Amino acid sequence: MAPLRDIYDRLLTAFGPQKWWPGDTPFEIMVGAILVQNTAWKNVEKAIRNLADAGLLDPHALAPLDAEELQEPIRPAGYYRLKAKRLLHLVRFVADRYDGDLDAMFSVSLGVLREELLALNGIGPETADSILLYAGGLPTFVVDTYTHRVLARHGWIGYEAGYYEIKDLFESGLEEDASLYNEFHALLVRVGHLHCRKTPKCGECPLAELLPEGGICQPDF
């Protein structure tokens, strides 16, 4: 496998800093991490705008709501009935466990807080790590479909590799640095979106030179 730093440098040179979520509040990022499940970010932006317009981008404002009251403002994000329940699980956890204080929440040890998040209905490893990294600034690498696909097509992992195998590959191969994890993940999403789609577009891809002899692995991944 090519060194992770080489992969990172190629992507950064090609695309520049992605600056994910630079101006959003930690709570808005947490809400977005729930709403983005199985939908495009542009739909999430509409839902978050609805919540902001209604004065609901605050854990104490959201926590008392019924799921039915939350469905309409988040409708643009899709699966709004399910996501309303999941969002309220998260919001009430923050309100009840940490009195809505995100600074206190993110001061808890990474391992403990990660397990607390994973215990909530509707929060899996990717969502938990997104909250910890992007909202909390904590050093945990986020793995998504794009990351899996890019690595598998270059033959760096097996098609069947699981979330934690891929996560460990990055965390053991890079220094523990939340800013680096943030940027690397964002760059992998960018190259996945532009080039490593279900039907790959390898021309002009900054990682094309790193493909194995004979071309991409798992082209239909």
N, C-alpha and C. Protein backbone atom coordinates (compact mmCIF):
# COMPACT_ATOMS: atom_id res chain seq x y z
N MET A 1 0.84 -1.20 0.00
CA MET A 1 0.00 0.00 0.00
C MET A 1 0.87 1.25 0.00
N ALA A 2 0.46 2.25 -0.74
CA ALA A 2 1.17 3.52 -0.72
C ALA A 2 1.08 4.12 0.69
N PRO A 3 2.13 4.82 1.12
CA PRO A 3 2.05 5.47 2.44
C PRO A 3 0.85 6.40 2.52
N LEU A 4 0.20 6.40 3.66
CA LEU A 4 -0.99 7.23 3.82
C LEU A 4 -0.67 8.71 3.60
N ARG A 5 0.50 9.12 4.02
CA ARG A 5 0.88 10.53 3.82
C ARG A 5 1.02 10.87 2.34
N ASP A 6 1.48 9.91 1.54
CA ASP A 6 1.58 10.13 0.09
C ASP A 6 0.18 10.31 -0.50
N ILE A 7 -0.74 9.45 -0.08
CA ILE A 7 -2.13 9.56 -0.55
C ILE A 7 -2.71 10.92 -0.15
N TYR A 8 -2.50 11.27 1.09
CA TYR A 8 -3.01 12.55 1.60
C TYR A 8 -2.43 13.72 0.82
N ASP A 9 -1.13 13.71 0.61
CA ASP A 9 -0.47 14.82 -0.09
C ASP A 9 -0.96 14.95 -1.52
N ARG A 10 -1.17 13.84 -2.19
CA ARG A 10 -1.69 13.88 -3.56
C ARG A 10 -3.09 14.51 -3.60
N LEU A 11 -3.92 14.11 -2.66
CA LEU A 11 -5.28 14.64 -2.63
C LEU A 11 -5.28 16.13 -2.26
N LEU A 12 -4.47 16.49 -1.29
CA LEU A 12 -4.43 17.89 -0.87
C LEU A 12 -3.89 18.78 -1.98
N THR A 13 -2.89 18.30 -2.71
CA THR A 13 -2.34 19.07 -3.83
C THR A 13 -3.39 19.26 -4.92
N ALA A 14 -4.16 18.20 -5.16
CA ALA A 14 -5.16 18.25 -6.24
C ALA A 14 -6.37 19.10 -5.88
N PHE A 15 -6.82 19.01 -4.64
CA PHE A 15 -8.11 19.62 -4.28
C PHE A 15 -8.01 20.79 -3.30
N GLY A 16 -6.89 20.90 -2.61
CA GLY A 16 -6.76 21.95 -1.62
C GLY A 16 -7.55 21.63 -0.35
N PRO A 17 -7.41 22.46 0.69
CA PRO A 17 -8.14 22.23 1.94
C PRO A 17 -9.65 22.27 1.72
N GLN A 18 -10.35 21.32 2.31
CA GLN A 18 -11.80 21.23 2.13
C GLN A 18 -12.58 22.09 3.13
N LYS A 19 -11.97 22.36 4.29
CA LYS A 19 -12.58 23.26 5.28
C LYS A 19 -14.01 22.85 5.63
N TRP A 20 -14.15 21.57 5.97
CA TRP A 20 -15.49 21.09 6.32
C TRP A 20 -15.98 21.73 7.62
N TRP A 21 -17.20 22.21 7.56
CA TRP A 21 -17.91 22.74 8.73
C TRP A 21 -17.12 23.80 9.49
N PRO A 22 -16.49 24.73 8.82
CA PRO A 22 -15.68 25.71 9.56
C PRO A 22 -16.50 26.71 10.36
N GLY A 23 -17.71 27.07 9.89
CA GLY A 23 -18.46 28.13 10.56
C GLY A 23 -19.64 27.65 11.35
N ASP A 24 -19.92 26.35 11.32
CA ASP A 24 -21.10 25.84 12.00
C ASP A 24 -20.82 25.59 13.47
N THR A 25 -21.86 25.64 14.29
CA THR A 25 -21.70 25.35 15.71
C THR A 25 -21.59 23.85 15.91
N PRO A 26 -20.97 23.41 17.01
CA PRO A 26 -20.90 21.98 17.28
C PRO A 26 -22.27 21.31 17.30
N PHE A 27 -23.27 21.99 17.86
CA PHE A 27 -24.60 21.37 17.90
C PHE A 27 -25.18 21.22 16.50
N GLU A 28 -24.98 22.22 15.65
CA GLU A 28 -25.46 22.12 14.28
C GLU A 28 -24.79 20.96 13.55
N ILE A 29 -23.52 20.74 13.81
CA ILE A 29 -22.80 19.62 13.20
C ILE A 29 -23.38 18.30 13.69
N MET A 30 -23.71 18.21 14.97
CA MET A 30 -24.30 17.00 15.51
C MET A 30 -25.65 16.71 14.86
N VAL A 31 -26.46 17.74 14.73
CA VAL A 31 -27.76 17.58 14.07
C VAL A 31 -27.55 17.10 12.63
N GLY A 32 -26.59 17.72 11.94
CA GLY A 32 -26.31 17.34 10.57
C GLY A 32 -25.85 15.90 10.44
N ALA A 33 -25.10 15.41 11.43
CA ALA A 33 -24.61 14.04 11.38
C ALA A 33 -25.75 13.02 11.42
N ILE A 34 -26.84 13.37 12.08
CA ILE A 34 -28.03 12.51 12.07
C ILE A 34 -28.80 12.68 10.77
N LEU A 35 -29.03 13.90 10.37
CA LEU A 35 -29.88 14.16 9.20
C LEU A 35 -29.26 13.70 7.90
N VAL A 36 -27.93 13.62 7.82
CA VAL A 36 -27.28 13.28 6.55
C VAL A 36 -27.34 11.78 6.25
N GLN A 37 -27.80 10.99 7.19
CA GLN A 37 -27.89 9.56 6.95
C GLN A 37 -28.78 9.28 5.74
N ASN A 38 -28.21 8.62 4.73
CA ASN A 38 -28.95 8.20 3.53
C ASN A 38 -29.55 9.35 2.73
N THR A 39 -28.87 10.48 2.70
CA THR A 39 -29.35 11.58 1.86
C THR A 39 -28.18 12.47 1.49
N ALA A 40 -28.42 13.39 0.56
CA ALA A 40 -27.39 14.33 0.13
C ALA A 40 -27.33 15.52 1.07
N TRP A 41 -26.15 16.13 1.17
CA TRP A 41 -25.98 17.22 2.11
C TRP A 41 -26.87 18.41 1.78
N LYS A 42 -27.14 18.64 0.51
CA LYS A 42 -27.99 19.79 0.14
C LYS A 42 -29.37 19.68 0.78
N ASN A 43 -29.86 18.46 0.96
CA ASN A 43 -31.15 18.26 1.62
C ASN A 43 -31.06 18.55 3.11
N VAL A 44 -29.92 18.19 3.68
CA VAL A 44 -29.69 18.47 5.10
C VAL A 44 -29.65 19.97 5.36
N GLU A 45 -29.02 20.70 4.46
CA GLU A 45 -28.93 22.15 4.62
C GLU A 45 -30.31 22.79 4.70
N LYS A 46 -31.24 22.30 3.89
CA LYS A 46 -32.60 22.83 3.93
C LYS A 46 -33.26 22.55 5.28
N ALA A 47 -33.07 21.33 5.78
CA ALA A 47 -33.66 20.97 7.06
C ALA A 47 -33.06 21.79 8.20
N ILE A 48 -31.75 21.96 8.19
CA ILE A 48 -31.09 22.74 9.23
C ILE A 48 -31.54 24.20 9.17
N ARG A 49 -31.72 24.71 7.98
CA ARG A 49 -32.21 26.08 7.83
C ARG A 49 -33.61 26.20 8.43
N ASN A 50 -34.45 25.20 8.23
CA ASN A 50 -35.79 25.21 8.82
C ASN A 50 -35.72 25.23 10.34
N LEU A 51 -34.82 24.42 10.89
CA LEU A 51 -34.66 24.38 12.34
C LEU A 51 -34.16 25.72 12.87
N ALA A 52 -33.21 26.31 12.16
CA ALA A 52 -32.68 27.61 12.59
C ALA A 52 -33.75 28.68 12.55
N ASP A 53 -34.54 28.68 11.49
CA ASP A 53 -35.60 29.68 11.35
C ASP A 53 -36.65 29.55 12.46
N ALA A 54 -36.82 28.31 12.94
CA ALA A 54 -37.79 28.07 14.01
C ALA A 54 -37.17 28.23 15.41
N GLY A 55 -35.90 28.60 15.47
CA GLY A 55 -35.23 28.76 16.76
C GLY A 55 -34.98 27.45 17.48
N LEU A 56 -34.76 26.38 16.71
CA LEU A 56 -34.65 25.05 17.30
C LEU A 56 -33.24 24.47 17.27
N LEU A 57 -32.24 25.25 16.88
CA LEU A 57 -30.88 24.72 16.85
C LEU A 57 -30.21 24.89 18.22
N ASP A 58 -30.85 24.27 19.20
CA ASP A 58 -30.37 24.33 20.58
C ASP A 58 -30.92 23.10 21.29
N PRO A 59 -30.10 22.39 22.04
CA PRO A 59 -30.60 21.16 22.68
C PRO A 59 -31.76 21.40 23.63
N HIS A 60 -31.76 22.53 24.34
CA HIS A 60 -32.86 22.80 25.27
C HIS A 60 -34.15 23.15 24.54
N ALA A 61 -34.04 23.69 23.33
CA ALA A 61 -35.24 23.99 22.54
C ALA A 61 -35.80 22.75 21.89
N LEU A 62 -34.94 21.84 21.48
CA LEU A 62 -35.39 20.64 20.78
C LEU A 62 -35.88 19.54 21.73
N ALA A 63 -35.23 19.40 22.86
CA ALA A 63 -35.49 18.26 23.74
C ALA A 63 -36.96 18.10 24.15
N PRO A 64 -37.71 19.18 24.42
CA PRO A 64 -39.11 19.00 24.85
C PRO A 64 -40.07 18.60 23.73
N LEU A 65 -39.64 18.68 22.48
CA LEU A 65 -40.55 18.42 21.37
C LEU A 65 -40.92 16.95 21.27
N ASP A 66 -42.10 16.69 20.75
CA ASP A 66 -42.48 15.35 20.34
C ASP A 66 -41.89 15.09 18.96
N ALA A 67 -41.72 13.82 18.64
CA ALA A 67 -41.17 13.47 17.33
C ALA A 67 -42.03 14.04 16.21
N GLU A 68 -43.35 14.04 16.41
CA GLU A 68 -44.26 14.55 15.37
C GLU A 68 -44.02 16.03 15.10
N GLU A 69 -43.70 16.79 16.14
CA GLU A 69 -43.45 18.23 15.98
C GLU A 69 -42.16 18.50 15.20
N LEU A 70 -41.26 17.56 15.25
CA LEU A 70 -39.96 17.73 14.61
C LEU A 70 -39.97 17.29 13.15
N GLN A 71 -40.96 16.52 12.77
CA GLN A 71 -40.96 15.92 11.44
C GLN A 71 -41.02 16.95 10.32
N GLU A 72 -41.86 17.95 10.47
CA GLU A 72 -42.05 18.89 9.36
C GLU A 72 -40.79 19.71 9.05
N PRO A 73 -40.14 20.30 10.05
CA PRO A 73 -38.94 21.08 9.70
C PRO A 73 -37.82 20.24 9.10
N ILE A 74 -37.72 18.96 9.46
CA ILE A 74 -36.62 18.15 8.92
C ILE A 74 -37.04 17.33 7.71
N ARG A 75 -38.26 17.52 7.23
CA ARG A 75 -38.77 16.75 6.09
C ARG A 75 -37.82 16.76 4.88
N PRO A 76 -37.17 17.90 4.55
CA PRO A 76 -36.31 17.90 3.36
C PRO A 76 -35.18 16.87 3.42
N ALA A 77 -34.79 16.43 4.61
CA ALA A 77 -33.69 15.48 4.75
C ALA A 77 -34.11 14.05 4.46
N GLY A 78 -35.41 13.81 4.25
CA GLY A 78 -35.87 12.46 3.97
C GLY A 78 -35.92 11.59 5.22
N TYR A 79 -36.67 10.50 5.13
CA TYR A 79 -36.83 9.58 6.26
C TYR A 79 -37.13 10.38 7.54
N TYR A 80 -37.96 11.39 7.41
CA TYR A 80 -38.11 12.37 8.48
C TYR A 80 -38.74 11.79 9.74
N ARG A 81 -39.58 10.78 9.62
CA ARG A 81 -40.17 10.18 10.83
C ARG A 81 -39.09 9.46 11.64
N LEU A 82 -38.29 8.68 10.94
CA LEU A 82 -37.21 7.95 11.61
C LEU A 82 -36.16 8.91 12.16
N LYS A 83 -35.79 9.89 11.37
CA LYS A 83 -34.74 10.82 11.80
C LYS A 83 -35.20 11.71 12.95
N ALA A 84 -36.48 12.03 13.00
CA ALA A 84 -36.99 12.81 14.13
C ALA A 84 -36.77 12.05 15.44
N LYS A 85 -37.04 10.76 15.43
CA LYS A 85 -36.84 9.94 16.63
C LYS A 85 -35.36 9.86 16.98
N ARG A 86 -34.53 9.64 15.95
CA ARG A 86 -33.09 9.51 16.22
C ARG A 86 -32.49 10.81 16.73
N LEU A 87 -32.93 11.91 16.15
CA LEU A 87 -32.41 13.21 16.57
C LEU A 87 -32.81 13.51 18.01
N LEU A 88 -34.03 13.16 18.37
CA LEU A 88 -34.47 13.41 19.74
C LEU A 88 -33.73 12.52 20.74
N HIS A 89 -33.40 11.29 20.34
CA HIS A 89 -32.58 10.45 21.22
C HIS A 89 -31.26 11.15 21.54
N LEU A 90 -30.62 11.69 20.51
CA LEU A 90 -29.34 12.37 20.70
C LEU A 90 -29.50 13.64 21.52
N VAL A 91 -30.49 14.44 21.17
CA VAL A 91 -30.68 15.73 21.84
C VAL A 91 -31.00 15.53 23.32
N ARG A 92 -31.86 14.58 23.62
CA ARG A 92 -32.23 14.34 25.02
C ARG A 92 -31.06 13.77 25.81
N PHE A 93 -30.23 12.99 25.15
CA PHE A 93 -29.01 12.51 25.80
C PHE A 93 -28.12 13.69 26.19
N VAL A 94 -27.93 14.62 25.27
CA VAL A 94 -27.10 15.80 25.55
C VAL A 94 -27.73 16.64 26.66
N ALA A 95 -29.04 16.83 26.60
CA ALA A 95 -29.73 17.66 27.59
C ALA A 95 -29.74 17.01 28.97
N ASP A 96 -30.01 15.70 29.01
CA ASP A 96 -30.15 15.02 30.30
C ASP A 96 -28.79 14.66 30.91
N ARG A 97 -27.90 14.15 30.09
CA ARG A 97 -26.61 13.67 30.61
C ARG A 97 -25.63 14.81 30.88
N TYR A 98 -25.69 15.84 30.02
CA TYR A 98 -24.70 16.92 30.13
C TYR A 98 -25.34 18.30 30.28
N ASP A 99 -26.63 18.33 30.57
CA ASP A 99 -27.35 19.60 30.76
C ASP A 99 -27.17 20.53 29.57
N GLY A 100 -27.06 19.93 28.38
CA GLY A 100 -26.93 20.73 27.17
C GLY A 100 -25.57 21.37 26.98
N ASP A 101 -24.61 21.04 27.83
CA ASP A 101 -23.28 21.66 27.79
C ASP A 101 -22.36 20.81 26.92
N LEU A 102 -22.14 21.24 25.69
CA LEU A 102 -21.30 20.46 24.77
C LEU A 102 -19.84 20.50 25.17
N ASP A 103 -19.39 21.58 25.79
CA ASP A 103 -18.00 21.62 26.26
C ASP A 103 -17.77 20.53 27.30
N ALA A 104 -18.72 20.36 28.19
CA ALA A 104 -18.60 19.30 29.20
C ALA A 104 -18.66 17.93 28.54
N MET A 105 -19.54 17.79 27.60
CA MET A 105 -19.68 16.51 26.90
C MET A 105 -18.39 16.11 26.20
N PHE A 106 -17.80 17.04 25.47
CA PHE A 106 -16.60 16.71 24.71
C PHE A 106 -15.33 16.72 25.56
N SER A 107 -15.48 17.00 26.85
CA SER A 107 -14.35 16.90 27.78
C SER A 107 -14.22 15.49 28.34
N VAL A 108 -15.25 14.68 28.14
CA VAL A 108 -15.22 13.28 28.57
C VAL A 108 -14.22 12.54 27.70
N SER A 109 -13.61 11.49 28.23
CA SER A 109 -12.63 10.74 27.45
C SER A 109 -13.28 10.22 26.17
N LEU A 110 -12.49 10.20 25.11
CA LEU A 110 -12.99 9.81 23.79
C LEU A 110 -13.65 8.44 23.81
N GLY A 111 -12.99 7.47 24.43
CA GLY A 111 -13.54 6.11 24.45
C GLY A 111 -14.88 6.02 25.16
N VAL A 112 -14.99 6.72 26.28
CA VAL A 112 -16.24 6.69 27.05
C VAL A 112 -17.36 7.37 26.28
N LEU A 113 -17.09 8.54 25.73
CA LEU A 113 -18.12 9.28 25.01
C LEU A 113 -18.54 8.52 23.76
N ARG A 114 -17.60 7.89 23.09
CA ARG A 114 -17.95 7.12 21.89
C ARG A 114 -18.91 5.99 22.23
N GLU A 115 -18.66 5.30 23.33
CA GLU A 115 -19.55 4.21 23.74
C GLU A 115 -20.92 4.75 24.13
N GLU A 116 -20.96 5.90 24.76
CA GLU A 116 -22.25 6.51 25.11
C GLU A 116 -23.05 6.83 23.85
N LEU A 117 -22.39 7.37 22.85
CA LEU A 117 -23.09 7.70 21.60
C LEU A 117 -23.56 6.44 20.88
N LEU A 118 -22.71 5.42 20.85
CA LEU A 118 -23.08 4.18 20.16
C LEU A 118 -24.25 3.48 20.85
N ALA A 119 -24.47 3.77 22.11
CA ALA A 119 -25.59 3.16 22.83
C ALA A 119 -26.93 3.79 22.47
N LEU A 120 -26.89 4.93 21.78
CA LEU A 120 -28.13 5.62 21.41
C LEU A 120 -28.72 5.01 20.15
N ASN A 121 -30.03 4.91 20.11
CA ASN A 121 -30.72 4.38 18.95
C ASN A 121 -30.44 5.23 17.72
N GLY A 122 -30.02 4.59 16.64
CA GLY A 122 -29.82 5.29 15.38
C GLY A 122 -28.43 5.86 15.18
N ILE A 123 -27.53 5.64 16.14
CA ILE A 123 -26.16 6.13 15.98
C ILE A 123 -25.22 4.94 15.86
N GLY A 124 -24.66 4.77 14.67
CA GLY A 124 -23.67 3.74 14.42
C GLY A 124 -22.28 4.33 14.44
N PRO A 125 -21.28 3.52 14.10
CA PRO A 125 -19.89 3.99 14.17
C PRO A 125 -19.60 5.23 13.34
N GLU A 126 -20.10 5.29 12.10
CA GLU A 126 -19.79 6.45 11.26
C GLU A 126 -20.40 7.73 11.83
N THR A 127 -21.65 7.66 12.28
CA THR A 127 -22.29 8.85 12.85
C THR A 127 -21.61 9.27 14.15
N ALA A 128 -21.29 8.29 15.00
CA ALA A 128 -20.61 8.61 16.26
C ALA A 128 -19.26 9.28 16.00
N ASP A 129 -18.49 8.72 15.08
CA ASP A 129 -17.17 9.28 14.80
C ASP A 129 -17.28 10.65 14.14
N SER A 130 -18.31 10.86 13.33
CA SER A 130 -18.51 12.18 12.72
C SER A 130 -18.79 13.23 13.79
N ILE A 131 -19.61 12.88 14.77
CA ILE A 131 -19.91 13.80 15.86
C ILE A 131 -18.65 14.10 16.67
N LEU A 132 -17.90 13.05 16.99
CA LEU A 132 -16.70 13.23 17.81
C LEU A 132 -15.64 14.05 17.09
N LEU A 133 -15.42 13.77 15.82
CA LEU A 133 -14.37 14.46 15.07
C LEU A 133 -14.78 15.87 14.68
N TYR A 134 -15.94 16.00 14.04
CA TYR A 134 -16.30 17.29 13.45
C TYR A 134 -16.95 18.25 14.44
N ALA A 135 -17.70 17.73 15.38
CA ALA A 135 -18.31 18.61 16.39
C ALA A 135 -17.41 18.77 17.61
N GLY A 136 -16.75 17.68 17.99
CA GLY A 136 -15.94 17.72 19.21
C GLY A 136 -14.47 17.97 19.01
N GLY A 137 -14.01 17.87 17.75
CA GLY A 137 -12.58 18.06 17.49
C GLY A 137 -11.72 16.99 18.12
N LEU A 138 -12.27 15.79 18.28
CA LEU A 138 -11.55 14.69 18.91
C LEU A 138 -10.95 13.77 17.84
N PRO A 139 -9.78 13.19 18.11
CA PRO A 139 -9.06 12.42 17.09
C PRO A 139 -9.59 11.00 16.90
N THR A 140 -10.61 10.88 16.09
CA THR A 140 -11.14 9.57 15.71
C THR A 140 -11.45 9.62 14.22
N PHE A 141 -10.98 8.63 13.47
CA PHE A 141 -11.11 8.69 12.02
C PHE A 141 -12.49 8.20 11.59
N VAL A 142 -13.09 8.92 10.65
CA VAL A 142 -14.41 8.57 10.13
C VAL A 142 -14.24 7.75 8.85
N VAL A 143 -14.93 6.64 8.80
CA VAL A 143 -14.91 5.77 7.62
C VAL A 143 -16.28 5.80 6.97
N ASP A 144 -16.31 6.02 5.67
CA ASP A 144 -17.58 5.98 4.94
C ASP A 144 -17.42 5.16 3.67
N THR A 145 -18.48 5.11 2.87
CA THR A 145 -18.46 4.29 1.66
C THR A 145 -17.38 4.73 0.69
N TYR A 146 -17.18 6.03 0.56
CA TYR A 146 -16.14 6.52 -0.35
C TYR A 146 -14.76 6.02 0.09
N THR A 147 -14.47 6.11 1.38
CA THR A 147 -13.18 5.65 1.90
C THR A 147 -12.98 4.17 1.59
N HIS A 148 -13.99 3.38 1.86
CA HIS A 148 -13.93 1.94 1.62
C HIS A 148 -13.69 1.67 0.13
N ARG A 149 -14.41 2.35 -0.71
CA ARG A 149 -14.32 2.12 -2.15
C ARG A 149 -12.95 2.51 -2.70
N VAL A 150 -12.45 3.67 -2.31
CA VAL A 150 -11.14 4.12 -2.79
C VAL A 150 -10.06 3.12 -2.41
N LEU A 151 -10.06 2.69 -1.17
CA LEU A 151 -9.03 1.76 -0.71
C LEU A 151 -9.17 0.39 -1.38
N ALA A 152 -10.39 -0.10 -1.51
CA ALA A 152 -10.60 -1.42 -2.11
C ALA A 152 -10.21 -1.43 -3.58
N ARG A 153 -10.54 -0.39 -4.30
CA ARG A 153 -10.23 -0.35 -5.73
C ARG A 153 -8.74 -0.25 -6.02
N HIS A 154 -8.00 0.27 -5.06
CA HIS A 154 -6.54 0.32 -5.23
C HIS A 154 -5.87 -0.95 -4.68
N GLY A 155 -6.66 -1.85 -4.15
CA GLY A 155 -6.10 -3.09 -3.62
C GLY A 155 -5.45 -2.94 -2.27
N TRP A 156 -5.74 -1.86 -1.57
CA TRP A 156 -5.11 -1.60 -0.27
C TRP A 156 -5.84 -2.30 0.87
N ILE A 157 -7.09 -2.64 0.67
CA ILE A 157 -7.85 -3.44 1.62
C ILE A 157 -8.68 -4.42 0.81
N GLY A 158 -9.20 -5.44 1.47
CA GLY A 158 -10.10 -6.36 0.80
C GLY A 158 -11.50 -5.77 0.67
N TYR A 159 -12.21 -6.26 -0.29
CA TYR A 159 -13.60 -5.83 -0.49
C TYR A 159 -14.41 -6.00 0.77
N GLU A 160 -14.11 -7.06 1.52
CA GLU A 160 -14.92 -7.41 2.68
C GLU A 160 -14.47 -6.70 3.96
N ALA A 161 -13.49 -5.83 3.88
CA ALA A 161 -12.97 -5.15 5.08
C ALA A 161 -14.08 -4.41 5.81
N GLY A 162 -14.07 -4.50 7.12
CA GLY A 162 -15.10 -3.86 7.92
C GLY A 162 -14.70 -2.48 8.40
N TYR A 163 -15.63 -1.82 9.06
CA TYR A 163 -15.43 -0.44 9.51
C TYR A 163 -14.18 -0.31 10.37
N TYR A 164 -14.04 -1.18 11.35
CA TYR A 164 -12.95 -1.01 12.32
C TYR A 164 -11.59 -1.39 11.74
N GLU A 165 -11.57 -2.29 10.79
CA GLU A 165 -10.31 -2.61 10.11
C GLU A 165 -9.79 -1.38 9.35
N ILE A 166 -10.70 -0.70 8.66
CA ILE A 166 -10.30 0.49 7.90
C ILE A 166 -9.93 1.63 8.84
N LYS A 167 -10.72 1.80 9.87
CA LYS A 167 -10.44 2.86 10.87
C LYS A 167 -9.06 2.66 11.49
N ASP A 168 -8.74 1.42 11.84
CA ASP A 168 -7.45 1.13 12.47
C ASP A 168 -6.30 1.37 11.50
N LEU A 169 -6.53 1.10 10.21
CA LEU A 169 -5.50 1.34 9.21
C LEU A 169 -5.05 2.80 9.23
N PHE A 170 -6.02 3.71 9.29
CA PHE A 170 -5.69 5.14 9.31
C PHE A 170 -5.11 5.57 10.65
N GLU A 171 -5.73 5.12 11.73
CA GLU A 171 -5.30 5.60 13.04
C GLU A 171 -3.94 5.04 13.45
N SER A 172 -3.60 3.85 12.95
CA SER A 172 -2.29 3.28 13.27
C SER A 172 -1.21 3.79 12.31
N GLY A 173 -1.62 4.31 11.15
CA GLY A 173 -0.66 4.75 10.16
C GLY A 173 -0.43 6.25 10.12
N LEU A 174 -1.18 6.99 10.92
CA LEU A 174 -1.05 8.45 10.96
C LEU A 174 -0.87 8.90 12.40
N GLU A 175 -0.28 10.08 12.58
CA GLU A 175 -0.22 10.64 13.92
C GLU A 175 -1.63 10.97 14.40
N GLU A 176 -1.81 10.94 15.71
CA GLU A 176 -3.13 11.21 16.29
C GLU A 176 -3.40 12.70 16.23
N ASP A 177 -4.12 13.12 15.21
CA ASP A 177 -4.31 14.55 14.95
C ASP A 177 -5.70 14.75 14.36
N ALA A 178 -6.58 15.38 15.13
CA ALA A 178 -7.96 15.56 14.67
C ALA A 178 -8.02 16.39 13.39
N SER A 179 -7.19 17.40 13.27
CA SER A 179 -7.20 18.23 12.07
C SER A 179 -6.81 17.42 10.84
N LEU A 180 -5.83 16.56 10.99
CA LEU A 180 -5.41 15.69 9.89
C LEU A 180 -6.52 14.71 9.53
N TYR A 181 -7.13 14.09 10.52
CA TYR A 181 -8.23 13.15 10.26
C TYR A 181 -9.38 13.85 9.55
N ASN A 182 -9.69 15.04 10.00
CA ASN A 182 -10.77 15.84 9.41
C ASN A 182 -10.49 16.08 7.93
N GLU A 183 -9.31 16.60 7.63
CA GLU A 183 -8.98 16.95 6.25
C GLU A 183 -8.87 15.71 5.36
N PHE A 184 -8.26 14.65 5.88
CA PHE A 184 -8.08 13.43 5.09
C PHE A 184 -9.43 12.84 4.71
N HIS A 185 -10.32 12.74 5.68
CA HIS A 185 -11.65 12.19 5.39
C HIS A 185 -12.37 13.04 4.36
N ALA A 186 -12.32 14.35 4.52
CA ALA A 186 -12.99 15.25 3.57
C ALA A 186 -12.41 15.09 2.16
N LEU A 187 -11.10 14.92 2.07
CA LEU A 187 -10.46 14.75 0.76
C LEU A 187 -10.85 13.42 0.13
N LEU A 188 -10.98 12.38 0.93
CA LEU A 188 -11.42 11.08 0.40
C LEU A 188 -12.86 11.16 -0.12
N VAL A 189 -13.69 11.90 0.57
CA VAL A 189 -15.06 12.11 0.08
C VAL A 189 -15.03 12.87 -1.24
N ARG A 190 -14.15 13.85 -1.34
CA ARG A 190 -14.06 14.64 -2.58
C ARG A 190 -13.62 13.78 -3.75
N VAL A 191 -12.57 12.98 -3.57
CA VAL A 191 -12.11 12.14 -4.68
C VAL A 191 -13.13 11.05 -4.99
N GLY A 192 -13.83 10.59 -3.97
CA GLY A 192 -14.88 9.60 -4.21
C GLY A 192 -16.03 10.18 -5.00
N HIS A 193 -16.41 11.39 -4.66
CA HIS A 193 -17.52 12.05 -5.34
C HIS A 193 -17.19 12.37 -6.79
N LEU A 194 -15.96 12.80 -7.03
CA LEU A 194 -15.58 13.22 -8.38
C LEU A 194 -15.12 12.06 -9.26
N HIS A 195 -14.42 11.09 -8.67
CA HIS A 195 -13.77 10.07 -9.49
C HIS A 195 -14.16 8.63 -9.13
N CYS A 196 -14.19 8.32 -7.84
CA CYS A 196 -14.38 6.93 -7.43
C CYS A 196 -15.85 6.65 -7.16
N ARG A 197 -16.64 6.88 -8.19
CA ARG A 197 -18.08 6.62 -8.11
C ARG A 197 -18.35 5.14 -8.33
N LYS A 198 -19.63 4.77 -8.29
CA LYS A 198 -19.96 3.37 -8.58
C LYS A 198 -19.41 2.98 -9.94
N THR A 199 -19.54 3.88 -10.92
CA THR A 199 -18.85 3.72 -12.20
C THR A 199 -17.64 4.64 -12.14
N PRO A 200 -16.44 4.07 -11.99
CA PRO A 200 -15.26 4.91 -11.74
C PRO A 200 -14.88 5.79 -12.92
N LYS A 201 -14.35 6.95 -12.58
CA LYS A 201 -13.80 7.87 -13.58
C LYS A 201 -12.35 8.14 -13.20
N CYS A 202 -11.47 7.26 -13.65
CA CYS A 202 -10.08 7.31 -13.21
C CYS A 202 -9.27 8.39 -13.92
N GLY A 203 -9.72 8.85 -15.08
CA GLY A 203 -9.01 9.91 -15.77
C GLY A 203 -8.95 11.16 -14.91
N GLU A 204 -7.78 11.74 -14.81
CA GLU A 204 -7.55 12.96 -14.03
C GLU A 204 -7.61 12.73 -12.52
N CYS A 205 -7.82 11.51 -12.07
CA CYS A 205 -7.85 11.25 -10.63
C CYS A 205 -6.43 11.36 -10.07
N PRO A 206 -6.23 12.08 -9.00
CA PRO A 206 -4.88 12.23 -8.44
C PRO A 206 -4.30 10.94 -7.87
N LEU A 207 -5.14 9.92 -7.70
CA LEU A 207 -4.65 8.64 -7.18
C LEU A 207 -4.50 7.59 -8.28
N ALA A 208 -4.74 7.95 -9.53
CA ALA A 208 -4.71 6.98 -10.62
C ALA A 208 -3.34 6.31 -10.74
N GLU A 209 -2.27 7.05 -10.48
CA GLU A 209 -0.93 6.48 -10.59
C GLU A 209 -0.67 5.38 -9.56
N LEU A 210 -1.49 5.32 -8.54
CA LEU A 210 -1.30 4.34 -7.48
C LEU A 210 -2.12 3.07 -7.69
N LEU A 211 -2.87 3.00 -8.78
CA LEU A 211 -3.65 1.79 -9.07
C LEU A 211 -2.71 0.63 -9.36
N PRO A 212 -3.11 -0.59 -9.03
CA PRO A 212 -2.26 -1.75 -9.31
C PRO A 212 -2.17 -2.03 -10.80
N GLU A 213 -1.15 -2.77 -11.20
CA GLU A 213 -1.04 -3.17 -12.60
C GLU A 213 -2.29 -3.97 -12.98
N GLY A 214 -2.82 -3.68 -14.14
CA GLY A 214 -4.03 -4.36 -14.58
C GLY A 214 -5.29 -3.56 -14.29
N GLY A 215 -5.14 -2.42 -13.61
CA GLY A 215 -6.31 -1.57 -13.38
C GLY A 215 -6.93 -1.75 -12.02
N ILE A 216 -8.08 -1.14 -11.84
CA ILE A 216 -8.70 -1.10 -10.53
C ILE A 216 -9.19 -2.46 -10.07
N CYS A 217 -9.16 -2.64 -8.77
CA CYS A 217 -9.74 -3.83 -8.16
C CYS A 217 -11.21 -3.54 -7.84
N GLN A 218 -12.01 -4.56 -7.84
CA GLN A 218 -13.42 -4.42 -7.49
C GLN A 218 -14.08 -3.26 -8.24
N PRO A 219 -14.07 -3.27 -9.58
CA PRO A 219 -14.62 -2.12 -10.31
C PRO A 219 -16.11 -1.89 -10.10
N ASP A 220 -16.83 -2.92 -9.69
CA ASP A 220 -18.27 -2.76 -9.49
C ASP A 220 -18.62 -2.57 -8.02
N PHE A 221 -17.64 -2.22 -7.21
CA PHE A 221 -17.86 -2.06 -5.76
C PHE A 221 -18.91 -1.01 -5.48
